[in-house]
Amino acid sequence: MSFRIYFQAVAEAILLRDVAFMLIKSLVFATIIVQVGCLEGLRVRGGPEAVGHSTTAAVVKSTFLVILADLLATAIFYLFGWSSVQ
């Protein structure tokens, strides 16, 4: 498959709406990760061992919240009929 044919197929398959939703979701995910990381970083007390525990807690919490946010966004997009799958 040549690059031109591939690019044409991709351009036909991807809607501008889908790209906009991807960008919005990535901003939401980044905000969640930053907020959880800052919160855990400001809460840490103790020595280097406490920093390690806080880092682990931040990763676990932010991963869970990003998955939850993705689930909610997907449900909202589906309920409003914005899903590209038909």
PDB file of N, CA and C in Angstrom:
ATOM      1  N   MET A   1       0.861  -1.169   0.000  1.00  0.00           N
ATOM      2  CA  MET A   1       0.000   0.000   0.000  1.00  0.00           C
ATOM      3  C   MET A   1       0.904   1.228   0.000  1.00  0.00           C
ATOM      4  N   SER A   2       0.661   2.099  -0.904  1.00  0.00           N
ATOM      5  CA  SER A   2       1.490   3.305  -0.983  1.00  0.00           C
ATOM      6  C   SER A   2       1.070   4.306   0.103  1.00  0.00           C
ATOM      7  N   PHE A   3       1.959   5.228   0.374  1.00  0.00           N
ATOM      8  CA  PHE A   3       1.684   6.244   1.389  1.00  0.00           C
ATOM      9  C   PHE A   3       0.480   7.098   1.007  1.00  0.00           C
ATOM     10  N   ARG A   4       0.342   7.406  -0.260  1.00  0.00           N
ATOM     11  CA  ARG A   4      -0.775   8.232  -0.721  1.00  0.00           C
ATOM     12  C   ARG A   4      -2.116   7.544  -0.487  1.00  0.00           C
ATOM     13  N   ILE A   5      -2.192   6.265  -0.808  1.00  0.00           N
ATOM     14  CA  ILE A   5      -3.440   5.523  -0.604  1.00  0.00           C
ATOM     15  C   ILE A   5      -3.738   5.408   0.892  1.00  0.00           C
ATOM     16  N   TYR A   6      -2.699   5.115   1.677  1.00  0.00           N
ATOM     17  CA  TYR A   6      -2.890   5.032   3.130  1.00  0.00           C
ATOM     18  C   TYR A   6      -3.385   6.358   3.694  1.00  0.00           C
ATOM     19  N   PHE A   7      -2.768   7.450   3.288  1.00  0.00           N
ATOM     20  CA  PHE A   7      -3.151   8.765   3.797  1.00  0.00           C
ATOM     21  C   PHE A   7      -4.581   9.112   3.386  1.00  0.00           C
ATOM     22  N   GLN A   8      -4.993   8.781   2.196  1.00  0.00           N
ATOM     23  CA  GLN A   8      -6.364   9.029   1.756  1.00  0.00           C
ATOM     24  C   GLN A   8      -7.362   8.219   2.592  1.00  0.00           C
ATOM     25  N   ALA A   9      -7.030   6.971   2.861  1.00  0.00           N
ATOM     26  CA  ALA A   9      -7.924   6.126   3.659  1.00  0.00           C
ATOM     27  C   ALA A   9      -8.043   6.657   5.081  1.00  0.00           C
ATOM     28  N   VAL A  10      -6.940   7.104   5.647  1.00  0.00           N
ATOM     29  CA  VAL A  10      -6.966   7.665   7.000  1.00  0.00           C
ATOM     30  C   VAL A  10      -7.771   8.956   7.017  1.00  0.00           C
ATOM     31  N   ALA A  11      -7.581   9.812   6.023  1.00  0.00           N
ATOM     32  CA  ALA A  11      -8.307  11.078   5.954  1.00  0.00           C
ATOM     33  C   ALA A  11      -9.813  10.855   5.826  1.00  0.00           C
ATOM     34  N   GLU A  12     -10.218   9.794   5.154  1.00  0.00           N
ATOM     35  CA  GLU A  12     -11.638   9.492   5.023  1.00  0.00           C
ATOM     36  C   GLU A  12     -12.219   8.882   6.301  1.00  0.00           C
ATOM     37  N   ALA A  13     -11.391   8.153   7.041  1.00  0.00           N
ATOM     38  CA  ALA A  13     -11.879   7.444   8.225  1.00  0.00           C
ATOM     39  C   ALA A  13     -11.942   8.318   9.466  1.00  0.00           C
ATOM     40  N   ILE A  14     -11.040   9.279   9.584  1.00  0.00           N
ATOM     41  CA  ILE A  14     -10.965  10.093  10.790  1.00  0.00           C
ATOM     42  C   ILE A  14     -11.752  11.382  10.582  1.00  0.00           C
ATOM     43  N   LEU A  15     -12.650  11.642  11.518  1.00  0.00           N
ATOM     44  CA  LEU A  15     -13.435  12.868  11.473  1.00  0.00           C
ATOM     45  C   LEU A  15     -12.768  13.928  12.339  1.00  0.00           C
ATOM     46  N   LEU A  16     -12.958  15.185  11.993  1.00  0.00           N
ATOM     47  CA  LEU A  16     -12.400  16.274  12.779  1.00  0.00           C
ATOM     48  C   LEU A  16     -12.951  16.246  14.203  1.00  0.00           C
ATOM     49  N   ARG A  17     -14.196  15.832  14.349  1.00  0.00           N
ATOM     50  CA  ARG A  17     -14.816  15.708  15.667  1.00  0.00           C
ATOM     51  C   ARG A  17     -14.047  14.720  16.541  1.00  0.00           C
ATOM     52  N   ASP A  18     -13.612  13.610  15.944  1.00  0.00           N
ATOM     53  CA  ASP A  18     -12.857  12.605  16.688  1.00  0.00           C
ATOM     54  C   ASP A  18     -11.516  13.165  17.163  1.00  0.00           C
ATOM     55  N   VAL A  19     -10.869  13.919  16.322  1.00  0.00           N
ATOM     56  CA  VAL A  19      -9.588  14.534  16.701  1.00  0.00           C
ATOM     57  C   VAL A  19      -9.803  15.540  17.834  1.00  0.00           C
ATOM     58  N   ALA A  20     -10.864  16.317  17.755  1.00  0.00           N
ATOM     59  CA  ALA A  20     -11.144  17.295  18.814  1.00  0.00           C
ATOM     60  C   ALA A  20     -11.415  16.590  20.143  1.00  0.00           C
ATOM     61  N   PHE A  21     -12.181  15.509  20.123  1.00  0.00           N
ATOM     62  CA  PHE A  21     -12.450  14.765  21.357  1.00  0.00           C
ATOM     63  C   PHE A  21     -11.178  14.138  21.916  1.00  0.00           C
ATOM     64  N   MET A  22     -10.304  13.655  21.044  1.00  0.00           N
ATOM     65  CA  MET A  22      -9.026  13.112  21.508  1.00  0.00           C
ATOM     66  C   MET A  22      -8.202  14.178  22.216  1.00  0.00           C
ATOM     67  N   LEU A  23      -8.164  15.365  21.645  1.00  0.00           N
ATOM     68  CA  LEU A  23      -7.389  16.448  22.248  1.00  0.00           C
ATOM     69  C   LEU A  23      -7.985  16.872  23.593  1.00  0.00           C
ATOM     70  N   ILE A  24      -9.301  16.946  23.658  1.00  0.00           N
ATOM     71  CA  ILE A  24      -9.953  17.309  24.923  1.00  0.00           C
ATOM     72  C   ILE A  24      -9.684  16.248  25.981  1.00  0.00           C
ATOM     73  N   LYS A  25      -9.822  14.977  25.605  1.00  0.00           N
ATOM     74  CA  LYS A  25      -9.571  13.904  26.558  1.00  0.00           C
ATOM     75  C   LYS A  25      -8.118  13.913  27.036  1.00  0.00           C
ATOM     76  N   SER A  26      -7.182  14.169  26.138  1.00  0.00           N
ATOM     77  CA  SER A  26      -5.779  14.185  26.559  1.00  0.00           C
ATOM     78  C   SER A  26      -5.502  15.327  27.527  1.00  0.00           C
ATOM     79  N   LEU A  27      -6.158  16.467  27.339  1.00  0.00           N
ATOM     80  CA  LEU A  27      -6.006  17.575  28.290  1.00  0.00           C
ATOM     81  C   LEU A  27      -6.601  17.217  29.649  1.00  0.00           C
ATOM     82  N   VAL A  28      -7.736  16.544  29.649  1.00  0.00           N
ATOM     83  CA  VAL A  28      -8.344  16.103  30.909  1.00  0.00           C
ATOM     84  C   VAL A  28      -7.438  15.102  31.606  1.00  0.00           C
ATOM     85  N   PHE A  29      -6.897  14.147  30.858  1.00  0.00           N
ATOM     86  CA  PHE A  29      -6.009  13.148  31.453  1.00  0.00           C
ATOM     87  C   PHE A  29      -4.749  13.801  32.021  1.00  0.00           C
ATOM     88  N   ALA A  30      -4.173  14.727  31.275  1.00  0.00           N
ATOM     89  CA  ALA A  30      -2.976  15.424  31.763  1.00  0.00           C
ATOM     90  C   ALA A  30      -3.275  16.211  33.025  1.00  0.00           C
ATOM     91  N   THR A  31      -4.426  16.851  33.078  1.00  0.00           N
ATOM     92  CA  THR A  31      -4.818  17.611  34.272  1.00  0.00           C
ATOM     93  C   THR A  31      -4.970  16.688  35.478  1.00  0.00           C
ATOM     94  N   ILE A  32      -5.573  15.536  35.271  1.00  0.00           N
ATOM     95  CA  ILE A  32      -5.730  14.571  36.364  1.00  0.00           C
ATOM     96  C   ILE A  32      -4.355  14.142  36.878  1.00  0.00           C
ATOM     97  N   ILE A  33      -3.465  13.795  35.982  1.00  0.00           N
ATOM     98  CA  ILE A  33      -2.136  13.325  36.374  1.00  0.00           C
ATOM     99  C   ILE A  33      -1.370  14.407  37.125  1.00  0.00           C
ATOM    100  N   VAL A  34      -1.416  15.630  36.627  1.00  0.00           N
ATOM    101  CA  VAL A  34      -0.703  16.731  37.284  1.00  0.00           C
ATOM    102  C   VAL A  34      -1.285  17.027  38.657  1.00  0.00           C
ATOM    103  N   GLN A  35      -2.596  17.066  38.758  1.00  0.00           N
ATOM    104  CA  GLN A  35      -3.225  17.379  40.039  1.00  0.00           C
ATOM    105  C   GLN A  35      -2.934  16.302  41.091  1.00  0.00           C
ATOM    106  N   VAL A  36      -3.037  15.049  40.710  1.00  0.00           N
ATOM    107  CA  VAL A  36      -2.753  13.971  41.658  1.00  0.00           C
ATOM    108  C   VAL A  36      -1.285  13.983  42.056  1.00  0.00           C
ATOM    109  N   GLY A  37      -0.396  14.192  41.091  1.00  0.00           N
ATOM    110  CA  GLY A  37       1.032  14.243  41.396  1.00  0.00           C
ATOM    111  C   GLY A  37       1.386  15.382  42.336  1.00  0.00           C
ATOM    112  N   CYS A  38       0.816  16.552  42.097  1.00  0.00           N
ATOM    113  CA  CYS A  38       1.068  17.697  42.978  1.00  0.00           C
ATOM    114  C   CYS A  38       0.486  17.465  44.366  1.00  0.00           C
ATOM    115  N   LEU A  39      -0.704  16.928  44.433  1.00  0.00           N
ATOM    116  CA  LEU A  39      -1.330  16.670  45.730  1.00  0.00           C
ATOM    117  C   LEU A  39      -0.504  15.685  46.549  1.00  0.00           C
ATOM    118  N   GLU A  40      -0.106  14.594  45.925  1.00  0.00           N
ATOM    119  CA  GLU A  40       0.707  13.610  46.641  1.00  0.00           C
ATOM    120  C   GLU A  40       2.080  14.173  46.994  1.00  0.00           C
ATOM    121  N   GLY A  41       2.638  14.979  46.125  1.00  0.00           N
ATOM    122  CA  GLY A  41       3.943  15.582  46.414  1.00  0.00           C
ATOM    123  C   GLY A  41       3.887  16.561  47.582  1.00  0.00           C
ATOM    124  N   LEU A  42       2.806  17.303  47.678  1.00  0.00           N
ATOM    125  CA  LEU A  42       2.675  18.259  48.776  1.00  0.00           C
ATOM    126  C   LEU A  42       2.318  17.568  50.087  1.00  0.00           C
ATOM    127  N   ARG A  43       1.737  16.398  50.019  1.00  0.00           N
ATOM    128  CA  ARG A  43       1.358  15.667  51.232  1.00  0.00           C
ATOM    129  C   ARG A  43       2.504  14.873  51.845  1.00  0.00           C
ATOM    130  N   VAL A  44       3.557  14.625  51.094  1.00  0.00           N
ATOM    131  CA  VAL A  44       4.615  13.729  51.560  1.00  0.00           C
ATOM    132  C   VAL A  44       5.325  14.322  52.786  1.00  0.00           C
ATOM    133  N   ARG A  45       5.519  13.474  53.759  1.00  0.00           N
ATOM    134  CA  ARG A  45       6.233  13.843  54.977  1.00  0.00           C
ATOM    135  C   ARG A  45       7.215  12.729  55.291  1.00  0.00           C
ATOM    136  N   GLY A  46       8.372  13.065  55.735  1.00  0.00           N
ATOM    137  CA  GLY A  46       9.362  12.061  56.077  1.00  0.00           C
ATOM    138  C   GLY A  46      10.554  12.151  55.153  1.00  0.00           C
ATOM    139  N   GLY A  47      11.257  11.077  55.049  1.00  0.00           N
ATOM    140  CA  GLY A  47      12.481  11.053  54.269  1.00  0.00           C
ATOM    141  C   GLY A  47      12.290  10.503  52.880  1.00  0.00           C
ATOM    142  N   PRO A  48      13.370  10.023  52.291  1.00  0.00           N
ATOM    143  CA  PRO A  48      13.325   9.487  50.922  1.00  0.00           C
ATOM    144  C   PRO A  48      12.368   8.309  50.756  1.00  0.00           C
ATOM    145  N   GLU A  49      12.218   7.520  51.796  1.00  0.00           N
ATOM    146  CA  GLU A  49      11.301   6.387  51.711  1.00  0.00           C
ATOM    147  C   GLU A  49       9.857   6.866  51.532  1.00  0.00           C
ATOM    148  N   ALA A  50       9.509   7.936  52.204  1.00  0.00           N
ATOM    149  CA  ALA A  50       8.158   8.485  52.087  1.00  0.00           C
ATOM    150  C   ALA A  50       7.914   9.032  50.684  1.00  0.00           C
ATOM    151  N   VAL A  51       8.960   9.564  50.049  1.00  0.00           N
ATOM    152  CA  VAL A  51       8.817  10.054  48.665  1.00  0.00           C
ATOM    153  C   VAL A  51       8.487   8.894  47.732  1.00  0.00           C
ATOM    154  N   GLY A  52       9.143   7.766  47.935  1.00  0.00           N
ATOM    155  CA  GLY A  52       8.858   6.586  47.117  1.00  0.00           C
ATOM    156  C   GLY A  52       7.435   6.100  47.282  1.00  0.00           C
ATOM    157  N   HIS A  53       6.963   6.066  48.531  1.00  0.00           N
ATOM    158  CA  HIS A  53       5.575   5.641  48.781  1.00  0.00           C
ATOM    159  C   HIS A  53       4.585   6.631  48.173  1.00  0.00           C
ATOM    160  N   SER A  54       4.890   7.901  48.280  1.00  0.00           N
ATOM    161  CA  SER A  54       4.007   8.926  47.721  1.00  0.00           C
ATOM    162  C   SER A  54       3.974   8.851  46.195  1.00  0.00           C
ATOM    163  N   THR A  55       5.121   8.579  45.597  1.00  0.00           N
ATOM    164  CA  THR A  55       5.173   8.438  44.141  1.00  0.00           C
ATOM    165  C   THR A  55       4.335   7.253  43.677  1.00  0.00           C
ATOM    166  N   THR A  56       4.459   6.141  44.374  1.00  0.00           N
ATOM    167  CA  THR A  56       3.664   4.965  44.041  1.00  0.00           C
ATOM    168  C   THR A  56       2.177   5.250  44.190  1.00  0.00           C
ATOM    169  N   ALA A  57       1.807   5.930  45.265  1.00  0.00           N
ATOM    170  CA  ALA A  57       0.397   6.279  45.472  1.00  0.00           C
ATOM    171  C   ALA A  57      -0.103   7.197  44.361  1.00  0.00           C
ATOM    172  N   ALA A  58       0.725   8.146  43.944  1.00  0.00           N
ATOM    173  CA  ALA A  58       0.323   9.072  42.880  1.00  0.00           C
ATOM    174  C   ALA A  58       0.102   8.331  41.563  1.00  0.00           C
ATOM    175  N   VAL A  59       0.977   7.401  41.250  1.00  0.00           N
ATOM    176  CA  VAL A  59       0.840   6.641  40.002  1.00  0.00           C
ATOM    177  C   VAL A  59      -0.420   5.788  40.021  1.00  0.00           C
ATOM    178  N   VAL A  60      -0.661   5.110  41.135  1.00  0.00           N
ATOM    179  CA  VAL A  60      -1.841   4.249  41.241  1.00  0.00           C
ATOM    180  C   VAL A  60      -3.117   5.079  41.158  1.00  0.00           C
ATOM    181  N   LYS A  61      -3.181   6.163  41.919  1.00  0.00           N
ATOM    182  CA  LYS A  61      -4.388   7.000  41.914  1.00  0.00           C
ATOM    183  C   LYS A  61      -4.635   7.643  40.559  1.00  0.00           C
ATOM    184  N   SER A  62      -3.588   8.180  39.942  1.00  0.00           N
ATOM    185  CA  SER A  62      -3.788   8.847  38.656  1.00  0.00           C
ATOM    186  C   SER A  62      -4.164   7.850  37.564  1.00  0.00           C
ATOM    187  N   THR A  63      -3.584   6.646  37.607  1.00  0.00           N
ATOM    188  CA  THR A  63      -3.963   5.621  36.625  1.00  0.00           C
ATOM    189  C   THR A  63      -5.433   5.255  36.766  1.00  0.00           C
ATOM    190  N   PHE A  64      -5.872   5.043  37.990  1.00  0.00           N
ATOM    191  CA  PHE A  64      -7.269   4.709  38.230  1.00  0.00           C
ATOM    192  C   PHE A  64      -8.183   5.840  37.756  1.00  0.00           C
ATOM    193  N   LEU A  65      -7.838   7.084  38.091  1.00  0.00           N
ATOM    194  CA  LEU A  65      -8.693   8.213  37.714  1.00  0.00           C
ATOM    195  C   LEU A  65      -8.716   8.453  36.208  1.00  0.00           C
ATOM    196  N   VAL A  66      -7.594   8.221  35.524  1.00  0.00           N
ATOM    197  CA  VAL A  66      -7.567   8.374  34.062  1.00  0.00           C
ATOM    198  C   VAL A  66      -8.455   7.310  33.408  1.00  0.00           C
ATOM    199  N   ILE A  67      -8.384   6.078  33.903  1.00  0.00           N
ATOM    200  CA  ILE A  67      -9.244   5.023  33.355  1.00  0.00           C
ATOM    201  C   ILE A  67     -10.710   5.347  33.614  1.00  0.00           C
ATOM    202  N   LEU A  68     -11.020   5.836  34.801  1.00  0.00           N
ATOM    203  CA  LEU A  68     -12.390   6.218  35.124  1.00  0.00           C
ATOM    204  C   LEU A  68     -12.865   7.381  34.245  1.00  0.00           C
ATOM    205  N   ALA A  69     -12.014   8.377  34.047  1.00  0.00           N
ATOM    206  CA  ALA A  69     -12.373   9.515  33.193  1.00  0.00           C
ATOM    207  C   ALA A  69     -12.590   9.065  31.746  1.00  0.00           C
ATOM    208  N   ASP A  70     -11.765   8.137  31.268  1.00  0.00           N
ATOM    209  CA  ASP A  70     -11.933   7.614  29.916  1.00  0.00           C
ATOM    210  C   ASP A  70     -13.250   6.850  29.793  1.00  0.00           C
ATOM    211  N   LEU A  71     -13.582   6.087  30.810  1.00  0.00           N
ATOM    212  CA  LEU A  71     -14.856   5.366  30.820  1.00  0.00           C
ATOM    213  C   LEU A  71     -16.032   6.345  30.763  1.00  0.00           C
ATOM    214  N   LEU A  72     -15.978   7.382  31.586  1.00  0.00           N
ATOM    215  CA  LEU A  72     -17.062   8.369  31.599  1.00  0.00           C
ATOM    216  C   LEU A  72     -17.167   9.115  30.269  1.00  0.00           C
ATOM    217  N   ALA A  73     -16.024   9.494  29.713  1.00  0.00           N
ATOM    218  CA  ALA A  73     -16.045  10.205  28.429  1.00  0.00           C
ATOM    219  C   ALA A  73     -16.616   9.319  27.328  1.00  0.00           C
ATOM    220  N   THR A  74     -16.216   8.064  27.317  1.00  0.00           N
ATOM    221  CA  THR A  74     -16.728   7.137  26.312  1.00  0.00           C
ATOM    222  C   THR A  74     -18.235   6.946  26.467  1.00  0.00           C
ATOM    223  N   ALA A  75     -18.693   6.826  27.710  1.00  0.00           N
ATOM    224  CA  ALA A  75     -20.131   6.668  27.951  1.00  0.00           C
ATOM    225  C   ALA A  75     -20.900   7.905  27.500  1.00  0.00           C
ATOM    226  N   ILE A  76     -20.381   9.076  27.800  1.00  0.00           N
ATOM    227  CA  ILE A  76     -21.045  10.326  27.399  1.00  0.00           C
ATOM    228  C   ILE A  76     -21.085  10.445  25.885  1.00  0.00           C
ATOM    229  N   PHE A  77     -19.948  10.156  25.217  1.00  0.00           N
ATOM    230  CA  PHE A  77     -19.911  10.230  23.757  1.00  0.00           C
ATOM    231  C   PHE A  77     -20.898   9.248  23.143  1.00  0.00           C
ATOM    232  N   TYR A  78     -21.000   8.069  23.727  1.00  0.00           N
ATOM    233  CA  TYR A  78     -21.916   7.058  23.203  1.00  0.00           C
ATOM    234  C   TYR A  78     -23.376   7.468  23.415  1.00  0.00           C
ATOM    235  N   LEU A  79     -23.682   7.964  24.619  1.00  0.00           N
ATOM    236  CA  LEU A  79     -25.063   8.346  24.921  1.00  0.00           C
ATOM    237  C   LEU A  79     -25.550   9.502  24.069  1.00  0.00           C
ATOM    238  N   PHE A  80     -24.652  10.429  23.740  1.00  0.00           N
ATOM    239  CA  PHE A  80     -25.039  11.560  22.909  1.00  0.00           C
ATOM    240  C   PHE A  80     -24.953  11.247  21.419  1.00  0.00           C
ATOM    241  N   GLY A  81     -24.577  10.033  21.096  1.00  0.00           N
ATOM    242  CA  GLY A  81     -24.508   9.645  19.683  1.00  0.00           C
ATOM    243  C   GLY A  81     -23.298  10.182  18.964  1.00  0.00           C
ATOM    244  N   TRP A  82     -22.251  10.525  19.705  1.00  0.00           N
ATOM    245  CA  TRP A  82     -21.040  11.075  19.067  1.00  0.00           C
ATOM    246  C   TRP A  82     -20.043  10.003  18.705  1.00  0.00           C
ATOM    247  N   SER A  83     -20.393   8.756  18.947  1.00  0.00           N
ATOM    248  CA  SER A  83     -19.482   7.663  18.670  1.00  0.00           C
ATOM    249  C   SER A  83     -19.286   7.535  17.165  1.00  0.00           C
ATOM    250  N   SER A  84     -18.043   7.292  16.747  1.00  0.00           N
ATOM    251  CA  SER A  84     -17.771   7.146  15.323  1.00  0.00           C
ATOM    252  C   SER A  84     -18.092   5.738  14.847  1.00  0.00           C
ATOM    253  N   VAL A  85     -18.309   4.812  15.776  1.00  0.00           N
ATOM    254  CA  VAL A  85     -18.674   3.446  15.414  1.00  0.00           C
ATOM    255  C   VAL A  85     -20.167   3.389  15.127  1.00  0.00           C
ATOM    256  N   GLN A  86     -20.535   2.885  13.966  1.00  0.00           N
ATOM    257  CA  GLN A  86     -21.939   2.878  13.591  1.00  0.00           C
ATOM    258  C   GLN A  86     -22.397   1.517  13.187  1.00  0.00           C
TER     259      GLN A  86
END
